[in-house]
Amino acid sequence: MRLRRRQLIGWLGAAAALPALHATSHGAEATLPRGPIRILVGFPPGGGTDILARILSVKLTTLWSVPVVVENKAGAAGMIATAEAAKAAPDGRSLLMGHINALGIAPGLYPQMPYSAERDFAPIVLVGKTPQVLIASRDSPMPTLAGLLAACRAHPGLVSFGSAGAGSAQHLALALFEQRAGVQVLHVPYKGSAPMVNDLLGGHVKFAFEGMTTAMGLLKDGKAVALAQTGARRASALSQVPTLAESGFPGFEASIWFGVVGPAAMPPELVRRMNIDLNKVLAQPEVATRLAEFGAEEGGGTPEAFGEYIRGEQRKWAQLIRDRKISADS
C-alpha cells in the first residue's frame, strides 16, 4: 500500500463534463442525469467490492432506465478510484463504491492524499458490512481461539499472522486483536490476499484475518478453519462461528464495509433520490440474499446515518493507527 503522491495524482482522470439534468416521473425535484451513470470500483473485476457494485448496477439500470455501468480503477487499495470520484462533476454521473480502505483507514494512515475523505464526498447509502474471519489452515495445531491465545501468550512475537498488506483492513483487525487481547504476534504483510492465502495454506504463516468473501471459499473447501469472526453480530452465512465480541472481547468490531458515495457538491435532492432508490434495491429479497452470501449485511439507511458511520470509522482507525504506531510500511 505504499504510495508516492506524484504517482497517485498522475493517475487521476479528467473530470467529466457536467450534463443537463432531466426531471423524471418521480417529480421535478427528483432528477437523474441524462446518459450513462458509472459506479467506480477501486479493485479488479471479480472481487467482493466489484461483485456488490455489479449487483446494484443491474437493478439500477432497470429502475432508472439509464445504463449504470461498473468501471474498475484498481490500485492503491482503492485510492485511485476514490481520488477520481472526488474530482468528478457533481452531477450524479460518477458514483463510487466506497470502501473502508480508502474512506475509513487511509485518512489516518497517510498524512497527504490527493483527496479529503472527510470533505470531498457526499455519502448516499451504506451497502453493507462484511465481517472478517480469523482463520487458520486445517492442519493448524491451534484450531481454537483459546489455543491461539495461549500460544500467543506463551510465545510473544513468534506466532505468525499474514495480512493483505501493511495498513490494510486485515492488518488493522489484527492490530485491534493484539491491543484488546494484550498479545504480540509476528505480522507478515503481503501484496494482497491471494499470496497471503497461498502461504497460509502452505504453512508459512499460521493465522490471518481475512474478508468473508475470500474466507468462505477456503472454509467450504475444507482448506481452513474459522476461529472467530469480527462483526458486531454473527453473519447469517457463518452463524456457527462466534464473534470476538462474544468470545471475551466485548465491543470488538472490524468489519469491511462498502457504500455508495458521490462528489461532495452533488445537489441534496439528487442524493436523496438516489438514497431512496438504492434503499429500494437493497430491500429486494434477491438482492438481500446475494449480499448475505458475501456477509454484506446491515445495509440501507439515510445519507446522514452513513456519513456519521464513516466519520466514526475514521476516528476509530486513526486512533488505533496512532496507538499502535502503524504505517503503510509496517
Protein backbone atom coordinates (compact mmCIF):
# COMPACT_ATOMS: atom_id res chain seq x y z
CA MET A 1 0.00 0.00 0.00
CA ARG A 2 2.99 2.34 -0.13
CA LEU A 3 2.11 5.31 -2.33
CA ARG A 4 4.02 8.12 -3.97
CA ARG A 5 1.91 11.26 -4.05
CA ARG A 6 3.11 12.34 -7.51
CA GLN A 7 2.37 8.89 -8.88
CA LEU A 8 -1.12 8.80 -7.41
CA ILE A 9 -2.02 12.28 -8.66
CA GLY A 10 -0.87 11.27 -12.12
CA TRP A 11 -3.44 8.51 -12.17
CA LEU A 12 -6.36 10.88 -11.74
CA GLY A 13 -8.69 11.16 -14.71
CA ALA A 14 -10.09 14.39 -16.07
CA ALA A 15 -13.46 15.38 -14.65
CA ALA A 16 -16.46 14.57 -16.80
CA ALA A 17 -18.37 17.44 -18.35
CA LEU A 18 -21.48 18.48 -16.49
CA PRO A 19 -24.53 17.34 -18.50
CA ALA A 20 -28.01 18.67 -18.24
CA LEU A 21 -30.28 17.05 -15.71
CA HIS A 22 -33.77 16.00 -16.63
CA ALA A 23 -36.83 15.55 -14.49
CA THR A 24 -38.30 12.10 -14.13
CA SER A 25 -41.67 10.69 -13.24
CA HIS A 26 -40.66 10.83 -9.57
CA GLY A 27 -41.12 14.59 -9.52
CA ALA A 28 -39.37 17.77 -10.56
CA GLU A 29 -37.11 17.80 -7.52
CA ALA A 30 -36.01 14.20 -8.04
CA THR A 31 -33.68 14.36 -11.03
CA LEU A 32 -31.28 11.97 -12.70
CA PRO A 33 -28.51 12.72 -15.18
CA ARG A 34 -29.16 12.17 -18.86
CA GLY A 35 -26.97 9.39 -20.18
CA PRO A 36 -24.91 6.61 -18.57
CA ILE A 37 -24.09 6.57 -14.87
CA ARG A 38 -20.88 4.89 -13.74
CA ILE A 39 -20.03 3.30 -10.41
CA LEU A 40 -16.29 3.49 -9.85
CA VAL A 41 -14.73 0.49 -8.10
CA GLY A 42 -11.20 0.65 -6.75
CA PHE A 43 -10.47 -3.06 -7.13
CA PRO A 44 -10.17 -5.54 -10.01
CA PRO A 45 -13.18 -7.34 -11.53
CA GLY A 46 -14.32 -10.42 -9.64
CA GLY A 47 -13.53 -9.22 -6.12
CA GLY A 48 -16.11 -8.64 -3.42
CA THR A 49 -16.40 -4.87 -3.98
CA ASP A 50 -16.79 -5.37 -7.72
CA ILE A 51 -19.43 -8.07 -7.33
CA LEU A 52 -21.53 -5.95 -4.97
CA ALA A 53 -21.33 -2.98 -7.35
CA ARG A 54 -22.46 -5.11 -10.28
CA ILE A 55 -25.43 -6.47 -8.34
CA LEU A 56 -26.56 -2.89 -7.76
CA SER A 57 -25.79 -1.70 -11.29
CA VAL A 58 -28.11 -4.28 -12.87
CA LYS A 59 -31.02 -3.29 -10.64
CA LEU A 60 -30.41 0.44 -11.00
CA THR A 61 -30.26 0.20 -14.79
CA THR A 62 -33.80 -1.17 -14.73
CA LEU A 63 -35.06 1.24 -12.09
CA TRP A 64 -33.57 4.40 -13.61
CA SER A 65 -33.96 3.49 -17.31
CA VAL A 66 -30.38 4.60 -17.99
CA PRO A 67 -27.25 2.45 -18.28
CA VAL A 68 -25.50 2.08 -14.93
CA VAL A 69 -22.07 0.61 -15.53
CA VAL A 70 -19.25 -0.51 -13.25
CA GLU A 71 -15.86 0.99 -14.06
CA ASN A 72 -12.87 -0.63 -12.39
CA LYS A 73 -9.97 1.67 -11.47
CA ALA A 74 -7.88 -0.76 -9.46
CA GLY A 75 -4.82 0.11 -7.43
CA ALA A 76 -3.51 1.71 -4.26
CA ALA A 77 -6.04 -0.10 -2.05
CA GLY A 78 -8.92 1.67 -3.76
CA MET A 79 -7.44 5.16 -3.55
CA ILE A 80 -7.09 5.68 -7.31
CA ALA A 81 -10.81 5.28 -7.93
CA THR A 82 -11.60 7.31 -4.81
CA ALA A 83 -9.43 10.20 -5.98
CA GLU A 84 -11.11 10.17 -9.39
CA ALA A 85 -14.56 10.20 -7.83
CA ALA A 86 -13.59 13.15 -5.63
CA LYS A 87 -12.73 15.21 -8.73
CA ALA A 88 -15.73 14.17 -10.82
CA ALA A 89 -18.51 16.55 -11.76
CA PRO A 90 -21.20 16.54 -9.04
CA ASP A 91 -23.98 15.68 -11.46
CA GLY A 92 -24.67 12.10 -10.43
CA ARG A 93 -22.98 10.56 -13.45
CA SER A 94 -19.99 9.38 -11.39
CA LEU A 95 -20.57 7.44 -8.18
CA LEU A 96 -18.12 5.42 -6.12
CA MET A 97 -18.49 2.13 -4.33
CA GLY A 98 -16.73 3.45 -1.26
CA HIS A 99 -14.66 1.05 0.82
CA ILE A 100 -13.21 1.04 4.32
CA ASN A 101 -9.64 1.17 3.00
CA ALA A 102 -9.86 4.46 1.11
CA LEU A 103 -12.53 6.23 3.17
CA GLY A 104 -12.06 4.82 6.67
CA ILE A 105 -8.43 3.80 7.10
CA ALA A 106 -6.39 5.88 4.64
CA PRO A 107 -7.15 9.25 6.32
CA GLY A 108 -5.33 8.09 9.45
CA LEU A 109 -2.58 6.29 7.58
CA TYR A 110 -1.42 8.83 5.01
CA PRO A 111 -0.56 12.41 6.04
CA GLN A 112 -1.08 13.61 2.47
CA MET A 113 -3.64 12.32 -0.02
CA PRO A 114 -4.98 13.72 -3.30
CA TYR A 115 -8.48 13.87 -1.80
CA SER A 116 -10.09 14.53 1.54
CA ALA A 117 -12.13 11.60 2.76
CA GLU A 118 -13.85 13.97 5.19
CA ARG A 119 -14.78 16.80 2.77
CA ASP A 120 -14.81 15.55 -0.83
CA PHE A 121 -17.73 13.10 -0.75
CA ALA A 122 -21.48 13.05 -0.33
CA PRO A 123 -22.50 9.82 1.44
CA ILE A 124 -25.51 8.23 -0.24
CA VAL A 125 -26.11 4.83 1.36
CA LEU A 126 -24.35 2.06 3.26
CA VAL A 127 -24.48 -1.09 1.13
CA GLY A 128 -23.29 -3.48 3.81
CA LYS A 129 -20.76 -4.56 6.40
CA THR A 130 -18.84 -7.79 5.91
CA PRO A 131 -17.08 -9.38 8.88
CA GLN A 132 -13.54 -10.57 8.69
CA VAL A 133 -12.81 -14.13 9.73
CA LEU A 134 -9.94 -15.25 11.91
CA ILE A 135 -8.75 -18.34 10.06
CA ALA A 136 -6.07 -20.99 10.37
CA SER A 137 -5.04 -23.71 7.96
CA ARG A 138 -6.78 -27.03 8.52
CA ASP A 139 -3.51 -28.54 9.75
CA SER A 140 -3.03 -25.91 12.44
CA PRO A 141 -2.06 -27.32 15.86
CA MET A 142 -4.07 -24.47 17.42
CA PRO A 143 -7.51 -24.68 15.75
CA THR A 144 -9.35 -22.82 18.52
CA LEU A 145 -9.31 -19.24 19.74
CA ALA A 146 -8.34 -20.37 23.24
CA GLY A 147 -5.42 -22.35 21.86
CA LEU A 148 -4.29 -19.42 19.75
CA LEU A 149 -4.39 -17.01 22.69
CA ALA A 150 -2.44 -19.44 24.85
CA ALA A 151 0.23 -19.80 22.16
CA CYS A 152 0.49 -16.02 21.68
CA ARG A 153 0.97 -15.51 25.41
CA ALA A 154 3.49 -18.32 25.72
CA HIS A 155 5.50 -17.19 22.65
CA PRO A 156 5.18 -13.41 22.29
CA GLY A 157 6.11 -12.11 18.87
CA LEU A 158 6.51 -15.56 17.35
CA VAL A 159 3.03 -16.70 16.26
CA SER A 160 2.76 -15.61 12.62
CA PHE A 161 -0.20 -13.79 11.09
CA GLY A 162 -0.39 -12.95 7.40
CA SER A 163 -2.28 -9.95 6.07
CA ALA A 164 -3.23 -8.49 2.70
CA GLY A 165 -0.78 -5.65 3.29
CA ALA A 166 0.52 -3.13 5.79
CA GLY A 167 -2.29 -0.76 6.72
CA SER A 168 -4.99 -2.93 5.14
CA ALA A 169 -8.30 -3.65 6.85
CA GLN A 170 -6.96 -7.13 7.62
CA HIS A 171 -3.82 -5.70 9.22
CA LEU A 172 -5.86 -3.31 11.38
CA ALA A 173 -8.14 -6.12 12.51
CA LEU A 174 -5.00 -7.92 13.67
CA ALA A 175 -3.69 -4.78 15.40
CA LEU A 176 -7.01 -4.36 17.20
CA PHE A 177 -6.87 -8.02 18.24
CA GLU A 178 -3.36 -7.57 19.63
CA GLN A 179 -4.44 -4.47 21.53
CA ARG A 180 -7.59 -5.98 23.01
CA ALA A 181 -6.03 -9.39 23.82
CA GLY A 182 -2.81 -7.90 25.18
CA VAL A 183 -0.64 -10.08 22.93
CA GLN A 184 2.17 -9.54 20.45
CA VAL A 185 2.35 -11.56 17.23
CA LEU A 186 4.56 -11.71 14.16
CA HIS A 187 2.86 -9.71 11.39
CA VAL A 188 3.77 -10.78 7.84
CA PRO A 189 2.30 -8.36 5.26
CA TYR A 190 1.73 -9.46 1.66
CA LYS A 191 0.79 -7.63 -1.52
CA GLY A 192 -2.83 -8.72 -1.50
CA SER A 193 -4.88 -11.58 -0.15
CA ALA A 194 -4.01 -14.14 -2.84
CA PRO A 195 -0.30 -14.58 -1.99
CA MET A 196 -1.10 -14.47 1.72
CA VAL A 197 -3.66 -17.28 1.36
CA ASN A 198 -1.16 -19.38 -0.60
CA ASP A 199 1.37 -19.10 2.22
CA LEU A 200 -1.29 -19.76 4.86
CA LEU A 201 -2.30 -22.98 3.14
CA GLY A 202 1.37 -23.88 2.71
CA GLY A 203 2.03 -23.42 6.42
CA HIS A 204 4.41 -20.47 6.02
CA VAL A 205 2.13 -18.29 8.14
CA LYS A 206 -0.21 -19.79 10.73
CA PHE A 207 -3.18 -17.42 11.02
CA ALA A 208 -4.85 -14.49 9.31
CA PHE A 209 -7.79 -12.16 9.47
CA GLU A 210 -9.40 -12.27 6.05
CA GLY A 211 -12.53 -10.83 4.49
CA MET A 212 -15.50 -13.15 4.48
CA THR A 213 -15.68 -13.21 0.67
CA THR A 214 -12.26 -14.88 0.47
CA ALA A 215 -12.58 -16.86 3.69
CA MET A 216 -15.85 -18.55 2.73
CA GLY A 217 -14.28 -20.32 -0.24
CA LEU A 218 -11.50 -21.69 1.95
CA LEU A 219 -13.93 -22.82 4.62
CA LYS A 220 -16.29 -24.52 2.16
CA ASP A 221 -13.38 -26.38 0.56
CA GLY A 222 -12.10 -27.51 3.96
CA LYS A 223 -8.78 -25.75 3.42
CA ALA A 224 -9.09 -23.58 6.51
CA VAL A 225 -10.89 -23.46 9.83
CA ALA A 226 -12.64 -20.44 11.33
CA LEU A 227 -11.81 -19.48 14.90
CA ALA A 228 -13.93 -16.32 15.16
CA GLN A 229 -15.47 -13.51 13.16
CA THR A 230 -15.13 -9.77 13.68
CA GLY A 231 -18.64 -8.39 13.17
CA ALA A 232 -20.74 -6.98 15.97
CA ARG A 233 -23.03 -9.97 15.47
CA ARG A 234 -22.75 -13.28 13.66
CA ALA A 235 -23.17 -13.14 9.89
CA SER A 236 -26.04 -15.35 8.79
CA ALA A 237 -23.78 -17.29 6.41
CA LEU A 238 -21.39 -18.04 9.30
CA SER A 239 -23.89 -18.49 12.08
CA GLN A 240 -21.88 -21.33 13.64
CA VAL A 241 -18.76 -19.17 14.13
CA PRO A 242 -18.71 -16.98 17.26
CA THR A 243 -17.79 -13.32 17.15
CA LEU A 244 -14.80 -11.99 19.03
CA ALA A 245 -17.24 -9.71 20.84
CA GLU A 246 -18.94 -12.74 22.39
CA SER A 247 -15.65 -14.55 22.98
CA GLY A 248 -14.24 -12.32 25.68
CA PHE A 249 -13.73 -9.08 23.74
CA PRO A 250 -16.95 -7.07 24.11
CA GLY A 251 -17.41 -4.30 21.58
CA PHE A 252 -14.84 -5.77 19.19
CA GLU A 253 -15.75 -4.94 15.58
CA ALA A 254 -13.54 -4.82 12.50
CA SER A 255 -15.90 -5.09 9.56
CA ILE A 256 -15.06 -4.42 5.94
CA TRP A 257 -17.77 -2.05 4.73
CA PHE A 258 -19.00 -0.78 1.40
CA GLY A 259 -21.23 2.12 0.48
CA VAL A 260 -22.20 4.38 -2.39
CA VAL A 261 -20.90 7.95 -2.32
CA GLY A 262 -20.75 10.79 -4.82
CA PRO A 263 -18.76 14.02 -5.14
CA ALA A 264 -19.37 16.42 -2.26
CA ALA A 265 -21.20 19.09 -4.28
CA MET A 266 -23.98 16.79 -5.53
CA PRO A 267 -27.37 18.51 -5.15
CA PRO A 268 -29.06 17.35 -1.92
CA GLU A 269 -32.24 16.41 -3.79
CA LEU A 270 -30.24 14.13 -6.10
CA VAL A 271 -28.53 12.49 -3.13
CA ARG A 272 -31.92 11.95 -1.53
CA ARG A 273 -33.42 10.50 -4.71
CA MET A 274 -30.55 8.07 -5.16
CA ASN A 275 -30.70 7.11 -1.48
CA ILE A 276 -34.40 6.28 -1.73
CA ASP A 277 -33.92 4.18 -4.85
CA LEU A 278 -30.86 2.37 -3.50
CA ASN A 279 -32.78 1.51 -0.35
CA LYS A 280 -35.48 0.02 -2.59
CA VAL A 281 -32.89 -2.09 -4.38
CA LEU A 282 -31.24 -3.25 -1.15
CA ALA A 283 -34.64 -4.30 0.19
CA GLN A 284 -35.35 -6.60 -2.77
CA PRO A 285 -35.23 -10.21 -1.47
CA GLU A 286 -32.97 -11.47 -4.26
CA VAL A 287 -30.51 -8.63 -3.67
CA ALA A 288 -30.52 -9.12 0.10
CA THR A 289 -29.89 -12.84 -0.41
CA ARG A 290 -26.97 -12.24 -2.76
CA LEU A 291 -25.39 -9.69 -0.44
CA ALA A 292 -25.78 -12.02 2.55
CA GLU A 293 -23.82 -14.68 0.68
CA PHE A 294 -20.86 -12.32 0.92
CA GLY A 295 -21.64 -11.43 4.51
CA ALA A 296 -22.74 -7.93 3.45
CA GLU A 297 -25.50 -7.16 5.93
CA GLU A 298 -26.89 -4.14 7.80
CA GLY A 299 -27.07 -2.05 4.61
CA GLY A 300 -29.53 0.75 3.91
CA GLY A 301 -30.50 3.82 5.88
CA THR A 302 -30.15 7.55 5.35
CA PRO A 303 -27.23 9.50 3.88
CA GLU A 304 -26.81 11.18 7.27
CA ALA A 305 -26.50 7.85 9.08
CA PHE A 306 -23.93 6.62 6.57
CA GLY A 307 -21.95 9.84 6.88
CA GLU A 308 -21.86 9.55 10.66
CA TYR A 309 -20.78 5.91 10.37
CA ILE A 310 -17.89 6.87 8.07
CA ARG A 311 -16.74 9.60 10.47
CA GLY A 312 -16.87 7.16 13.38
CA GLU A 313 -14.75 4.66 11.45
CA GLN A 314 -12.22 7.36 10.56
CA ARG A 315 -11.84 8.31 14.23
CA LYS A 316 -11.62 4.70 15.38
CA TRP A 317 -8.93 3.59 12.95
CA ALA A 318 -6.92 6.82 13.19
CA GLN A 319 -6.73 6.32 16.95
CA LEU A 320 -5.60 2.70 16.57
CA ILE A 321 -3.01 3.72 13.97
CA ARG A 322 -1.60 6.29 16.41
CA ASP A 323 -1.72 3.97 19.40
CA ARG A 324 -0.01 1.09 17.59
CA LYS A 325 2.33 3.32 15.56
CA ILE A 326 1.16 1.71 12.32
CA SER A 327 2.47 2.96 8.99
CA ALA A 328 1.99 1.88 5.39
CA ASP A 329 5.43 0.26 5.63
CA SER A 330 4.96 -1.56 8.97
